[in-house]
Amino acid sequence: MSRQEHIRFRVTYSGRVQGVGFRATCRWIASSHPVTGWVRNEHDGNVTLEAQGSPAAVETFLQDIAGRLESNIASQSRMSLEVDPAETDFVIAR
């Protein structure tokens, strides 16, 4: 699949999402999906994640996060972004 057929989303999670292994779990879930991107803690207590890949891969990845971490997530917001063609991995950003 070409990069032109890929999508990218930024998702902001709020709730009990810091200090509970949220970012490490996101990275672990990403290792099971053909997605790239990053996840990081924010100063306001939220966690931001960006993920890109095929529409099906990104949707499945985000559904897996929501399912695995649902007890920690109070709310989430999602916005569409331009694909980053240079990105090759999913990492925990600092």
PDB file of N, CA and C in Angstrom:
ATOM      1  N   MET A   1       0.851  -1.178   0.000  1.00  0.00           N
ATOM      2  CA  MET A   1       0.000   0.000   0.000  1.00  0.00           C
ATOM      3  C   MET A   1       0.895   1.239   0.000  1.00  0.00           C
ATOM      4  N   SER A   2       0.578   2.184  -0.835  1.00  0.00           N
ATOM      5  CA  SER A   2       1.400   3.389  -0.919  1.00  0.00           C
ATOM      6  C   SER A   2       1.076   4.337   0.228  1.00  0.00           C
ATOM      7  N   ARG A   3       2.018   5.231   0.489  1.00  0.00           N
ATOM      8  CA  ARG A   3       1.822   6.220   1.558  1.00  0.00           C
ATOM      9  C   ARG A   3       0.617   7.117   1.264  1.00  0.00           C
ATOM     10  N   GLN A   4       0.269   7.295  -0.035  1.00  0.00           N
ATOM     11  CA  GLN A   4      -0.874   8.133  -0.359  1.00  0.00           C
ATOM     12  C   GLN A   4      -2.180   7.514   0.128  1.00  0.00           C
ATOM     13  N   GLU A   5      -2.186   6.205   0.326  1.00  0.00           N
ATOM     14  CA  GLU A   5      -3.382   5.535   0.814  1.00  0.00           C
ATOM     15  C   GLU A   5      -3.383   5.431   2.339  1.00  0.00           C
ATOM     16  N   HIS A   6      -2.368   5.976   2.980  1.00  0.00           N
ATOM     17  CA  HIS A   6      -2.294   5.954   4.433  1.00  0.00           C
ATOM     18  C   HIS A   6      -3.038   7.144   5.019  1.00  0.00           C
ATOM     19  N   ILE A   7      -3.387   7.005   6.283  1.00  0.00           N
ATOM     20  CA  ILE A   7      -4.005   8.087   7.041  1.00  0.00           C
ATOM     21  C   ILE A   7      -3.177   8.315   8.301  1.00  0.00           C
ATOM     22  N   ARG A   8      -3.385   9.459   8.931  1.00  0.00           N
ATOM     23  CA  ARG A   8      -2.705   9.771  10.190  1.00  0.00           C
ATOM     24  C   ARG A   8      -3.688  10.506  11.088  1.00  0.00           C
ATOM     25  N   PHE A   9      -3.734  10.085  12.345  1.00  0.00           N
ATOM     26  CA  PHE A   9      -4.575  10.744  13.333  1.00  0.00           C
ATOM     27  C   PHE A   9      -3.748  11.142  14.541  1.00  0.00           C
ATOM     28  N   ARG A  10      -4.149  12.244  15.162  1.00  0.00           N
ATOM     29  CA  ARG A  10      -3.661  12.612  16.496  1.00  0.00           C
ATOM     30  C   ARG A  10      -4.831  12.386  17.451  1.00  0.00           C
ATOM     31  N   VAL A  11      -4.559  11.624  18.498  1.00  0.00           N
ATOM     32  CA  VAL A  11      -5.587  11.326  19.495  1.00  0.00           C
ATOM     33  C   VAL A  11      -5.081  11.812  20.847  1.00  0.00           C
ATOM     34  N   THR A  12      -5.909  12.574  21.543  1.00  0.00           N
ATOM     35  CA  THR A  12      -5.589  13.027  22.889  1.00  0.00           C
ATOM     36  C   THR A  12      -6.492  12.286  23.864  1.00  0.00           C
ATOM     37  N   TYR A  13      -5.859  11.621  24.812  1.00  0.00           N
ATOM     38  CA  TYR A  13      -6.577  10.850  25.832  1.00  0.00           C
ATOM     39  C   TYR A  13      -6.510  11.592  27.154  1.00  0.00           C
ATOM     40  N   SER A  14      -7.646  11.648  27.855  1.00  0.00           N
ATOM     41  CA  SER A  14      -7.667  12.196  29.208  1.00  0.00           C
ATOM     42  C   SER A  14      -8.222  11.138  30.149  1.00  0.00           C
ATOM     43  N   GLY A  15      -7.961  11.335  31.421  1.00  0.00           N
ATOM     44  CA  GLY A  15      -8.379  10.381  32.438  1.00  0.00           C
ATOM     45  C   GLY A  15      -7.182  10.004  33.284  1.00  0.00           C
ATOM     46  N   ARG A  16      -7.135   8.760  33.707  1.00  0.00           N
ATOM     47  CA  ARG A  16      -5.988   8.257  34.484  1.00  0.00           C
ATOM     48  C   ARG A  16      -5.013   7.633  33.490  1.00  0.00           C
ATOM     49  N   VAL A  17      -4.292   8.501  32.773  1.00  0.00           N
ATOM     50  CA  VAL A  17      -3.479   8.048  31.646  1.00  0.00           C
ATOM     51  C   VAL A  17      -1.979   8.274  31.836  1.00  0.00           C
ATOM     52  N   GLN A  18      -1.584   8.887  32.940  1.00  0.00           N
ATOM     53  CA  GLN A  18      -0.156   9.042  33.214  1.00  0.00           C
ATOM     54  C   GLN A  18       0.204   8.282  34.482  1.00  0.00           C
ATOM     55  N   GLY A  19       1.394   7.693  34.471  1.00  0.00           N
ATOM     56  CA  GLY A  19       1.875   6.962  35.628  1.00  0.00           C
ATOM     57  C   GLY A  19       1.270   5.577  35.785  1.00  0.00           C
ATOM     58  N   VAL A  20       0.653   5.072  34.718  1.00  0.00           N
ATOM     59  CA  VAL A  20      -0.014   3.765  34.780  1.00  0.00           C
ATOM     60  C   VAL A  20       0.440   2.822  33.659  1.00  0.00           C
ATOM     61  N   GLY A  21       1.507   3.182  32.944  1.00  0.00           N
ATOM     62  CA  GLY A  21       1.994   2.345  31.851  1.00  0.00           C
ATOM     63  C   GLY A  21       1.244   2.533  30.548  1.00  0.00           C
ATOM     64  N   PHE A  22       0.514   3.626  30.423  1.00  0.00           N
ATOM     65  CA  PHE A  22      -0.300   3.881  29.234  1.00  0.00           C
ATOM     66  C   PHE A  22       0.554   3.934  27.968  1.00  0.00           C
ATOM     67  N   ARG A  23       1.636   4.708  28.004  1.00  0.00           N
ATOM     68  CA  ARG A  23       2.481   4.851  26.808  1.00  0.00           C
ATOM     69  C   ARG A  23       3.143   3.537  26.436  1.00  0.00           C
ATOM     70  N   ALA A  24       3.657   2.818  27.412  1.00  0.00           N
ATOM     71  CA  ALA A  24       4.307   1.530  27.129  1.00  0.00           C
ATOM     72  C   ALA A  24       3.307   0.534  26.551  1.00  0.00           C
ATOM     73  N   THR A  25       2.085   0.563  27.057  1.00  0.00           N
ATOM     74  CA  THR A  25       1.058  -0.331  26.520  1.00  0.00           C
ATOM     75  C   THR A  25       0.716   0.045  25.085  1.00  0.00           C
ATOM     76  N   CYS A  26       0.639   1.332  24.788  1.00  0.00           N
ATOM     77  CA  CYS A  26       0.387   1.771  23.409  1.00  0.00           C
ATOM     78  C   CYS A  26       1.493   1.291  22.479  1.00  0.00           C
ATOM     79  N   ARG A  27       2.732   1.415  22.917  1.00  0.00           N
ATOM     80  CA  ARG A  27       3.854   0.953  22.089  1.00  0.00           C
ATOM     81  C   ARG A  27       3.784  -0.557  21.896  1.00  0.00           C
ATOM     82  N   TRP A  28       3.450  -1.294  22.941  1.00  0.00           N
ATOM     83  CA  TRP A  28       3.325  -2.751  22.847  1.00  0.00           C
ATOM     84  C   TRP A  28       2.205  -3.134  21.880  1.00  0.00           C
ATOM     85  N   ILE A  29       1.059  -2.456  21.960  1.00  0.00           N
ATOM     86  CA  ILE A  29      -0.043  -2.721  21.036  1.00  0.00           C
ATOM     87  C   ILE A  29       0.379  -2.386  19.611  1.00  0.00           C
ATOM     88  N   ALA A  30       1.107  -1.291  19.431  1.00  0.00           N
ATOM     89  CA  ALA A  30       1.568  -0.896  18.093  1.00  0.00           C
ATOM     90  C   ALA A  30       2.445  -1.965  17.461  1.00  0.00           C
ATOM     91  N   SER A  31       3.181  -2.707  18.281  1.00  0.00           N
ATOM     92  CA  SER A  31       4.067  -3.739  17.729  1.00  0.00           C
ATOM     93  C   SER A  31       3.290  -4.860  17.049  1.00  0.00           C
ATOM     94  N   SER A  32       1.991  -4.946  17.291  1.00  0.00           N
ATOM     95  CA  SER A  32       1.141  -5.961  16.669  1.00  0.00           C
ATOM     96  C   SER A  32       0.385  -5.432  15.455  1.00  0.00           C
ATOM     97  N   HIS A  33       0.642  -4.185  15.093  1.00  0.00           N
ATOM     98  CA  HIS A  33      -0.085  -3.550  13.990  1.00  0.00           C
ATOM     99  C   HIS A  33       0.904  -2.872  13.044  1.00  0.00           C
ATOM    100  N   PRO A  34       0.588  -2.827  11.760  1.00  0.00           N
ATOM    101  CA  PRO A  34       1.460  -2.132  10.807  1.00  0.00           C
ATOM    102  C   PRO A  34       1.218  -0.618  10.828  1.00  0.00           C
ATOM    103  N   VAL A  35       1.562   0.003  11.960  1.00  0.00           N
ATOM    104  CA  VAL A  35       1.396   1.447  12.125  1.00  0.00           C
ATOM    105  C   VAL A  35       2.717   2.062  12.570  1.00  0.00           C
ATOM    106  N   THR A  36       2.859   3.344  12.316  1.00  0.00           N
ATOM    107  CA  THR A  36       3.980   4.122  12.829  1.00  0.00           C
ATOM    108  C   THR A  36       3.403   5.295  13.608  1.00  0.00           C
ATOM    109  N   GLY A  37       4.276   5.980  14.353  1.00  0.00           N
ATOM    110  CA  GLY A  37       3.824   7.147  15.098  1.00  0.00           C
ATOM    111  C   GLY A  37       4.539   7.281  16.415  1.00  0.00           C
ATOM    112  N   TRP A  38       3.876   7.922  17.361  1.00  0.00           N
ATOM    113  CA  TRP A  38       4.467   8.158  18.672  1.00  0.00           C
ATOM    114  C   TRP A  38       3.370   8.382  19.701  1.00  0.00           C
ATOM    115  N   VAL A  39       3.766   8.310  20.974  1.00  0.00           N
ATOM    116  CA  VAL A  39       2.881   8.595  22.095  1.00  0.00           C
ATOM    117  C   VAL A  39       3.699   9.338  23.145  1.00  0.00           C
ATOM    118  N   ARG A  40       3.091  10.361  23.786  1.00  0.00           N
ATOM    119  CA  ARG A  40       3.831  11.129  24.796  1.00  0.00           C
ATOM    120  C   ARG A  40       2.884  11.671  25.866  1.00  0.00           C
ATOM    121  N   ASN A  41       3.449  11.894  27.048  1.00  0.00           N
ATOM    122  CA  ASN A  41       2.743  12.576  28.131  1.00  0.00           C
ATOM    123  C   ASN A  41       2.732  14.068  27.849  1.00  0.00           C
ATOM    124  N   GLU A  42       1.644  14.719  28.242  1.00  0.00           N
ATOM    125  CA  GLU A  42       1.529  16.169  28.123  1.00  0.00           C
ATOM    126  C   GLU A  42       1.566  16.792  29.519  1.00  0.00           C
ATOM    127  N   HIS A  43       1.921  18.055  29.577  1.00  0.00           N
ATOM    128  CA  HIS A  43       2.023  18.757  30.861  1.00  0.00           C
ATOM    129  C   HIS A  43       0.676  18.885  31.570  1.00  0.00           C
ATOM    130  N   ASP A  44      -0.417  18.825  30.816  1.00  0.00           N
ATOM    131  CA  ASP A  44      -1.745  18.972  31.419  1.00  0.00           C
ATOM    132  C   ASP A  44      -2.312  17.663  31.971  1.00  0.00           C
ATOM    133  N   GLY A  45      -1.511  16.586  31.932  1.00  0.00           N
ATOM    134  CA  GLY A  45      -1.958  15.301  32.454  1.00  0.00           C
ATOM    135  C   GLY A  45      -2.557  14.376  31.420  1.00  0.00           C
ATOM    136  N   ASN A  46      -2.728  14.867  30.205  1.00  0.00           N
ATOM    137  CA  ASN A  46      -3.239  14.043  29.115  1.00  0.00           C
ATOM    138  C   ASN A  46      -2.108  13.276  28.446  1.00  0.00           C
ATOM    139  N   VAL A  47      -2.471  12.378  27.558  1.00  0.00           N
ATOM    140  CA  VAL A  47      -1.515  11.672  26.708  1.00  0.00           C
ATOM    141  C   VAL A  47      -1.927  11.921  25.264  1.00  0.00           C
ATOM    142  N   THR A  48      -0.953  12.265  24.418  1.00  0.00           N
ATOM    143  CA  THR A  48      -1.196  12.461  22.996  1.00  0.00           C
ATOM    144  C   THR A  48      -0.517  11.347  22.224  1.00  0.00           C
ATOM    145  N   LEU A  49      -1.213  10.858  21.211  1.00  0.00           N
ATOM    146  CA  LEU A  49      -0.711   9.791  20.357  1.00  0.00           C
ATOM    147  C   LEU A  49      -0.929  10.202  18.912  1.00  0.00           C
ATOM    148  N   GLU A  50       0.053   9.945  18.056  1.00  0.00           N
ATOM    149  CA  GLU A  50      -0.144  10.065  16.618  1.00  0.00           C
ATOM    150  C   GLU A  50       0.140   8.713  16.011  1.00  0.00           C
ATOM    151  N   ALA A  51      -0.733   8.291  15.107  1.00  0.00           N
ATOM    152  CA  ALA A  51      -0.578   6.991  14.456  1.00  0.00           C
ATOM    153  C   ALA A  51      -0.922   7.123  12.986  1.00  0.00           C
ATOM    154  N   GLN A  52      -0.141   6.417  12.164  1.00  0.00           N
ATOM    155  CA  GLN A  52      -0.430   6.400  10.736  1.00  0.00           C
ATOM    156  C   GLN A  52      -0.233   5.002  10.180  1.00  0.00           C
ATOM    157  N   GLY A  53      -0.925   4.764   9.084  1.00  0.00           N
ATOM    158  CA  GLY A  53      -0.877   3.485   8.385  1.00  0.00           C
ATOM    159  C   GLY A  53      -2.103   3.393   7.500  1.00  0.00           C
ATOM    160  N   SER A  54      -2.423   2.199   7.059  1.00  0.00           N
ATOM    161  CA  SER A  54      -3.639   2.028   6.265  1.00  0.00           C
ATOM    162  C   SER A  54      -4.839   2.367   7.146  1.00  0.00           C
ATOM    163  N   PRO A  55      -5.946   2.777   6.546  1.00  0.00           N
ATOM    164  CA  PRO A  55      -7.120   3.078   7.365  1.00  0.00           C
ATOM    165  C   PRO A  55      -7.522   1.919   8.280  1.00  0.00           C
ATOM    166  N   ALA A  56      -7.498   0.706   7.772  1.00  0.00           N
ATOM    167  CA  ALA A  56      -7.884  -0.455   8.587  1.00  0.00           C
ATOM    168  C   ALA A  56      -6.906  -0.676   9.731  1.00  0.00           C
ATOM    169  N   ALA A  57      -5.607  -0.544   9.463  1.00  0.00           N
ATOM    170  CA  ALA A  57      -4.594  -0.767  10.502  1.00  0.00           C
ATOM    171  C   ALA A  57      -4.706   0.273  11.609  1.00  0.00           C
ATOM    172  N   VAL A  58      -4.884   1.532  11.244  1.00  0.00           N
ATOM    173  CA  VAL A  58      -4.984   2.598  12.251  1.00  0.00           C
ATOM    174  C   VAL A  58      -6.251   2.423  13.083  1.00  0.00           C
ATOM    175  N   GLU A  59      -7.372   2.144  12.427  1.00  0.00           N
ATOM    176  CA  GLU A  59      -8.625   1.966  13.167  1.00  0.00           C
ATOM    177  C   GLU A  59      -8.542   0.788  14.129  1.00  0.00           C
ATOM    178  N   THR A  60      -7.980  -0.327  13.680  1.00  0.00           N
ATOM    179  CA  THR A  60      -7.850  -1.499  14.545  1.00  0.00           C
ATOM    180  C   THR A  60      -6.921  -1.204  15.715  1.00  0.00           C
ATOM    181  N   PHE A  61      -5.812  -0.524  15.451  1.00  0.00           N
ATOM    182  CA  PHE A  61      -4.870  -0.132  16.499  1.00  0.00           C
ATOM    183  C   PHE A  61      -5.560   0.727  17.555  1.00  0.00           C
ATOM    184  N   LEU A  62      -6.283   1.755  17.114  1.00  0.00           N
ATOM    185  CA  LEU A  62      -6.954   2.647  18.061  1.00  0.00           C
ATOM    186  C   LEU A  62      -8.063   1.926  18.831  1.00  0.00           C
ATOM    187  N   GLN A  63      -8.756   1.001  18.178  1.00  0.00           N
ATOM    188  CA  GLN A  63      -9.768   0.201  18.875  1.00  0.00           C
ATOM    189  C   GLN A  63      -9.126  -0.690  19.930  1.00  0.00           C
ATOM    190  N   ASP A  64      -7.973  -1.264  19.609  1.00  0.00           N
ATOM    191  CA  ASP A  64      -7.269  -2.108  20.578  1.00  0.00           C
ATOM    192  C   ASP A  64      -6.814  -1.300  21.791  1.00  0.00           C
ATOM    193  N   ILE A  65      -6.342  -0.073  21.557  1.00  0.00           N
ATOM    194  CA  ILE A  65      -5.965   0.793  22.681  1.00  0.00           C
ATOM    195  C   ILE A  65      -7.190   1.072  23.547  1.00  0.00           C
ATOM    196  N   ALA A  66      -8.293   1.463  22.913  1.00  0.00           N
ATOM    197  CA  ALA A  66      -9.510   1.780  23.662  1.00  0.00           C
ATOM    198  C   ALA A  66      -9.995   0.572  24.455  1.00  0.00           C
ATOM    199  N   GLY A  67      -9.914  -0.609  23.881  1.00  0.00           N
ATOM    200  CA  GLY A  67     -10.352  -1.810  24.575  1.00  0.00           C
ATOM    201  C   GLY A  67      -9.443  -2.198  25.723  1.00  0.00           C
ATOM    202  N   ARG A  68      -8.155  -2.135  25.482  1.00  0.00           N
ATOM    203  CA  ARG A  68      -7.178  -2.553  26.498  1.00  0.00           C
ATOM    204  C   ARG A  68      -7.092  -1.555  27.656  1.00  0.00           C
ATOM    205  N   LEU A  69      -7.242  -0.265  27.348  1.00  0.00           N
ATOM    206  CA  LEU A  69      -7.030   0.785  28.351  1.00  0.00           C
ATOM    207  C   LEU A  69      -8.309   1.533  28.714  1.00  0.00           C
ATOM    208  N   GLU A  70      -9.456   0.951  28.408  1.00  0.00           N
ATOM    209  CA  GLU A  70     -10.718   1.671  28.591  1.00  0.00           C
ATOM    210  C   GLU A  70     -10.953   2.131  30.026  1.00  0.00           C
ATOM    211  N   SER A  71     -10.488   1.379  31.008  1.00  0.00           N
ATOM    212  CA  SER A  71     -10.711   1.788  32.401  1.00  0.00           C
ATOM    213  C   SER A  71      -9.896   3.025  32.779  1.00  0.00           C
ATOM    214  N   ASN A  72      -8.882   3.360  31.977  1.00  0.00           N
ATOM    215  CA  ASN A  72      -8.062   4.541  32.241  1.00  0.00           C
ATOM    216  C   ASN A  72      -8.525   5.768  31.460  1.00  0.00           C
ATOM    217  N   ILE A  73      -9.271   5.561  30.397  1.00  0.00           N
ATOM    218  CA  ILE A  73      -9.632   6.647  29.483  1.00  0.00           C
ATOM    219  C   ILE A  73     -10.988   7.226  29.862  1.00  0.00           C
ATOM    220  N   ALA A  74     -10.991   8.521  30.228  1.00  0.00           N
ATOM    221  CA  ALA A  74     -12.245   9.225  30.511  1.00  0.00           C
ATOM    222  C   ALA A  74     -12.831   9.796  29.226  1.00  0.00           C
ATOM    223  N   SER A  75     -11.957  10.316  28.356  1.00  0.00           N
ATOM    224  CA  SER A  75     -12.400  10.859  27.073  1.00  0.00           C
ATOM    225  C   SER A  75     -11.229  10.859  26.105  1.00  0.00           C
ATOM    226  N   GLN A  76     -11.580  10.994  24.836  1.00  0.00           N
ATOM    227  CA  GLN A  76     -10.557  11.100  23.805  1.00  0.00           C
ATOM    228  C   GLN A  76     -11.070  11.993  22.689  1.00  0.00           C
ATOM    229  N   SER A  77     -10.140  12.688  22.044  1.00  0.00           N
ATOM    230  CA  SER A  77     -10.483  13.493  20.876  1.00  0.00           C
ATOM    231  C   SER A  77      -9.519  13.127  19.764  1.00  0.00           C
ATOM    232  N   ARG A  78     -10.014  13.178  18.548  1.00  0.00           N
ATOM    233  CA  ARG A  78      -9.216  12.737  17.405  1.00  0.00           C
ATOM    234  C   ARG A  78      -9.255  13.796  16.311  1.00  0.00           C
ATOM    235  N   MET A  79      -8.092  14.017  15.683  1.00  0.00           N
ATOM    236  CA  MET A  79      -8.042  14.904  14.525  1.00  0.00           C
ATOM    237  C   MET A  79      -7.177  14.275  13.446  1.00  0.00           C
ATOM    238  N   SER A  80      -7.537  14.523  12.209  1.00  0.00           N
ATOM    239  CA  SER A  80      -6.809  13.999  11.062  1.00  0.00           C
ATOM    240  C   SER A  80      -5.625  14.907  10.744  1.00  0.00           C
ATOM    241  N   LEU A  81      -4.499  14.295  10.363  1.00  0.00           N
ATOM    242  CA  LEU A  81      -3.279  15.030  10.028  1.00  0.00           C
ATOM    243  C   LEU A  81      -2.735  14.552   8.691  1.00  0.00           C
ATOM    244  N   GLU A  82      -1.753  15.284   8.188  1.00  0.00           N
ATOM    245  CA  GLU A  82      -1.018  14.845   7.007  1.00  0.00           C
ATOM    246  C   GLU A  82      -0.105  13.684   7.387  1.00  0.00           C
ATOM    247  N   VAL A  83       0.067  12.749   6.478  1.00  0.00           N
ATOM    248  CA  VAL A  83       0.960  11.607   6.690  1.00  0.00           C
ATOM    249  C   VAL A  83       2.403  12.090   6.711  1.00  0.00           C
ATOM    250  N   ASP A  84       3.222  11.521   7.585  1.00  0.00           N
ATOM    251  CA  ASP A  84       4.657  11.803   7.660  1.00  0.00           C
ATOM    252  C   ASP A  84       5.389  10.702   6.900  1.00  0.00           C
ATOM    253  N   PRO A  85       5.844  10.963   5.679  1.00  0.00           N
ATOM    254  CA  PRO A  85       6.458   9.911   4.864  1.00  0.00           C
ATOM    255  C   PRO A  85       7.803   9.423   5.398  1.00  0.00           C
ATOM    256  N   ALA A  86       8.431  10.174   6.285  1.00  0.00           N
ATOM    257  CA  ALA A  86       9.747   9.782   6.811  1.00  0.00           C
ATOM    258  C   ALA A  86       9.647   8.868   8.033  1.00  0.00           C
ATOM    259  N   GLU A  87       8.481   8.740   8.594  1.00  0.00           N
ATOM    260  CA  GLU A  87       8.328   7.970   9.826  1.00  0.00           C
ATOM    261  C   GLU A  87       8.386   6.471   9.544  1.00  0.00           C
ATOM    262  N   THR A  88       9.121   5.741  10.399  1.00  0.00           N
ATOM    263  CA  THR A  88       9.317   4.310  10.153  1.00  0.00           C
ATOM    264  C   THR A  88       8.993   3.419  11.345  1.00  0.00           C
ATOM    265  N   ASP A  89       8.669   3.982  12.505  1.00  0.00           N
ATOM    266  CA  ASP A  89       8.483   3.175  13.707  1.00  0.00           C
ATOM    267  C   ASP A  89       7.444   3.839  14.599  1.00  0.00           C
ATOM    268  N   PHE A  90       7.034   3.132  15.645  1.00  0.00           N
ATOM    269  CA  PHE A  90       6.170   3.705  16.670  1.00  0.00           C
ATOM    270  C   PHE A  90       6.996   3.801  17.943  1.00  0.00           C
ATOM    271  N   VAL A  91       7.091   5.009  18.514  1.00  0.00           N
ATOM    272  CA  VAL A  91       7.990   5.239  19.647  1.00  0.00           C
ATOM    273  C   VAL A  91       7.286   5.988  20.769  1.00  0.00           C
ATOM    274  N   ILE A  92       7.883   5.896  21.951  1.00  0.00           N
ATOM    275  CA  ILE A  92       7.480   6.746  23.066  1.00  0.00           C
ATOM    276  C   ILE A  92       8.302   8.021  22.959  1.00  0.00           C
ATOM    277  N   ALA A  93       7.623   9.142  22.754  1.00  0.00           N
ATOM    278  CA  ALA A  93       8.303  10.437  22.633  1.00  0.00           C
ATOM    279  C   ALA A  93       8.435  11.059  24.014  1.00  0.00           C
ATOM    280  N   ARG A  94       9.445  11.861  24.174  1.00  0.00           N
ATOM    281  CA  ARG A  94       9.676  12.533  25.459  1.00  0.00           C
ATOM    282  C   ARG A  94       9.447  14.021  25.316  1.00  0.00           C
TER     283      ARG A  94
END
